Amino acid sequence: MVPAVWKIIGVLLLVVWLAFLVVGAIFKLVVPMLVAGVLILGGVLLYRAVTESDKTPLP
């Protein structure tokens, strides 16, 4: 028979493992979108800074 302490430790390890699994999946999905967004924003701001026809202030 397994003592109750080991059952509690097992459940806690399972919860921690599932939390890392979810956070890792979210991180893996969000980081490429953030990189793409920063690159697109940088390109737009660079284009607006270089073109002389658009004199509106940058945000």
N, C-alpha and C. Protein backbone atom coordinates (compact mmCIF):
# COMPACT_ATOMS: atom_id res chain seq x y z
N MET A 1 0.85 -1.19 0.00
CA MET A 1 0.00 0.00 0.00
C MET A 1 0.89 1.25 0.00
N VAL A 2 0.50 2.23 -0.81
CA VAL A 2 1.29 3.45 -0.95
C VAL A 2 0.86 4.45 0.11
N PRO A 3 1.82 5.03 0.83
CA PRO A 3 1.45 6.04 1.83
C PRO A 3 0.83 7.27 1.16
N ALA A 4 0.03 7.99 1.93
CA ALA A 4 -0.69 9.15 1.40
C ALA A 4 0.27 10.25 0.96
N VAL A 5 1.44 10.33 1.60
CA VAL A 5 2.40 11.37 1.25
C VAL A 5 2.86 11.19 -0.19
N TRP A 6 3.11 9.94 -0.60
CA TRP A 6 3.57 9.69 -1.97
C TRP A 6 2.48 9.98 -2.98
N LYS A 7 1.23 9.73 -2.61
CA LYS A 7 0.12 10.06 -3.51
C LYS A 7 0.02 11.57 -3.71
N ILE A 8 0.19 12.32 -2.63
CA ILE A 8 0.13 13.79 -2.71
C ILE A 8 1.29 14.30 -3.57
N ILE A 9 2.49 13.76 -3.36
CA ILE A 9 3.64 14.17 -4.16
C ILE A 9 3.42 13.83 -5.63
N GLY A 10 2.86 12.67 -5.90
CA GLY A 10 2.57 12.28 -7.28
C GLY A 10 1.57 13.21 -7.95
N VAL A 11 0.53 13.57 -7.23
CA VAL A 11 -0.48 14.49 -7.78
C VAL A 11 0.13 15.86 -8.02
N LEU A 12 0.95 16.34 -7.08
CA LEU A 12 1.60 17.64 -7.26
C LEU A 12 2.54 17.62 -8.47
N LEU A 13 3.30 16.55 -8.63
CA LEU A 13 4.19 16.45 -9.79
C LEU A 13 3.40 16.42 -11.09
N LEU A 14 2.26 15.73 -11.09
CA LEU A 14 1.41 15.70 -12.28
C LEU A 14 0.88 17.08 -12.61
N VAL A 15 0.44 17.83 -11.60
CA VAL A 15 -0.08 19.18 -11.83
C VAL A 15 1.03 20.09 -12.35
N VAL A 16 2.22 20.01 -11.76
CA VAL A 16 3.34 20.84 -12.21
C VAL A 16 3.72 20.49 -13.64
N TRP A 17 3.74 19.19 -13.97
CA TRP A 17 4.09 18.75 -15.32
C TRP A 17 3.06 19.26 -16.32
N LEU A 18 1.77 19.17 -15.99
CA LEU A 18 0.73 19.67 -16.89
C LEU A 18 0.83 21.19 -17.06
N ALA A 19 1.16 21.90 -15.99
CA ALA A 19 1.31 23.36 -16.09
C ALA A 19 2.46 23.71 -17.03
N PHE A 20 3.60 23.03 -16.89
CA PHE A 20 4.73 23.28 -17.79
C PHE A 20 4.36 22.93 -19.23
N LEU A 21 3.58 21.87 -19.42
CA LEU A 21 3.17 21.48 -20.76
C LEU A 21 2.32 22.57 -21.41
N VAL A 22 1.36 23.11 -20.67
CA VAL A 22 0.48 24.15 -21.21
C VAL A 22 1.26 25.43 -21.47
N VAL A 23 2.08 25.86 -20.51
CA VAL A 23 2.86 27.09 -20.67
C VAL A 23 3.84 26.95 -21.84
N GLY A 24 4.45 25.80 -21.98
CA GLY A 24 5.37 25.57 -23.09
C GLY A 24 4.67 25.64 -24.44
N ALA A 25 3.47 25.06 -24.53
CA ALA A 25 2.73 25.10 -25.79
C ALA A 25 2.32 26.53 -26.13
N ILE A 26 1.86 27.28 -25.14
CA ILE A 26 1.47 28.67 -25.38
C ILE A 26 2.68 29.49 -25.79
N PHE A 27 3.80 29.30 -25.10
CA PHE A 27 5.03 30.04 -25.42
C PHE A 27 5.50 29.72 -26.83
N LYS A 28 5.38 28.44 -27.22
CA LYS A 28 5.82 28.02 -28.55
C LYS A 28 4.95 28.64 -29.64
N LEU A 29 3.69 28.93 -29.34
CA LEU A 29 2.80 29.54 -30.33
C LEU A 29 2.92 31.05 -30.36
N VAL A 30 3.13 31.67 -29.20
CA VAL A 30 3.07 33.13 -29.11
C VAL A 30 4.37 33.79 -29.58
N VAL A 31 5.51 33.18 -29.29
CA VAL A 31 6.79 33.81 -29.61
C VAL A 31 6.95 34.08 -31.11
N PRO A 32 6.66 33.13 -32.01
CA PRO A 32 6.78 33.46 -33.44
C PRO A 32 5.84 34.58 -33.87
N MET A 33 4.65 34.64 -33.29
CA MET A 33 3.72 35.72 -33.64
C MET A 33 4.26 37.06 -33.15
N LEU A 34 4.87 37.09 -31.97
CA LEU A 34 5.46 38.33 -31.47
C LEU A 34 6.62 38.78 -32.35
N VAL A 35 7.46 37.84 -32.76
CA VAL A 35 8.59 38.18 -33.62
C VAL A 35 8.09 38.73 -34.95
N ALA A 36 7.09 38.08 -35.53
CA ALA A 36 6.54 38.55 -36.81
C ALA A 36 5.93 39.94 -36.65
N GLY A 37 5.22 40.16 -35.55
CA GLY A 37 4.62 41.47 -35.32
C GLY A 37 5.65 42.57 -35.17
N VAL A 38 6.73 42.28 -34.45
CA VAL A 38 7.79 43.28 -34.27
C VAL A 38 8.47 43.58 -35.60
N LEU A 39 8.71 42.54 -36.40
CA LEU A 39 9.35 42.76 -37.71
C LEU A 39 8.45 43.58 -38.63
N ILE A 40 7.16 43.28 -38.65
CA ILE A 40 6.24 44.03 -39.51
C ILE A 40 6.14 45.48 -39.03
N LEU A 41 6.02 45.68 -37.72
CA LEU A 41 5.94 47.04 -37.19
C LEU A 41 7.22 47.81 -37.50
N GLY A 42 8.37 47.17 -37.34
CA GLY A 42 9.63 47.84 -37.66
C GLY A 42 9.72 48.21 -39.13
N GLY A 43 9.26 47.32 -40.00
CA GLY A 43 9.26 47.62 -41.42
C GLY A 43 8.35 48.78 -41.77
N VAL A 44 7.17 48.81 -41.17
CA VAL A 44 6.23 49.90 -41.44
C VAL A 44 6.79 51.23 -40.93
N LEU A 45 7.33 51.24 -39.73
CA LEU A 45 7.89 52.48 -39.19
C LEU A 45 9.10 52.94 -40.00
N LEU A 46 9.93 52.00 -40.44
CA LEU A 46 11.07 52.36 -41.27
C LEU A 46 10.61 52.93 -42.61
N TYR A 47 9.60 52.32 -43.20
CA TYR A 47 9.07 52.81 -44.48
C TYR A 47 8.49 54.21 -44.32
N ARG A 48 7.75 54.43 -43.23
CA ARG A 48 7.15 55.75 -43.00
C ARG A 48 8.23 56.79 -42.71
N ALA A 49 9.32 56.39 -42.08
CA ALA A 49 10.39 57.34 -41.78
C ALA A 49 11.18 57.70 -43.04
N VAL A 50 11.29 56.77 -43.98
CA VAL A 50 12.10 57.00 -45.17
C VAL A 50 11.33 57.76 -46.24
N THR A 51 10.05 57.45 -46.40
CA THR A 51 9.28 58.12 -47.46
C THR A 51 9.07 59.58 -47.10
N GLU A 52 9.20 60.45 -48.08
CA GLU A 52 9.07 61.88 -47.84
C GLU A 52 7.66 62.38 -48.09
N SER A 53 6.84 61.59 -48.77
CA SER A 53 5.49 62.05 -49.09
C SER A 53 4.58 62.01 -47.87
N ASP A 54 4.89 61.14 -46.91
CA ASP A 54 4.05 61.00 -45.72
C ASP A 54 4.70 61.75 -44.57
N LYS A 55 4.12 62.89 -44.19
CA LYS A 55 4.70 63.70 -43.13
C LYS A 55 3.90 63.62 -41.83
N THR A 56 3.01 62.64 -41.71
CA THR A 56 2.26 62.50 -40.46
C THR A 56 3.22 62.01 -39.38
N PRO A 57 3.01 62.46 -38.14
CA PRO A 57 3.92 62.03 -37.07
C PRO A 57 3.78 60.55 -36.78
N LEU A 58 4.89 59.94 -36.42
CA LEU A 58 4.87 58.53 -36.07
C LEU A 58 4.19 58.36 -34.72
N PRO A 59 3.51 57.22 -34.52
CA PRO A 59 2.82 57.01 -33.23
C PRO A 59 3.80 56.83 -32.09
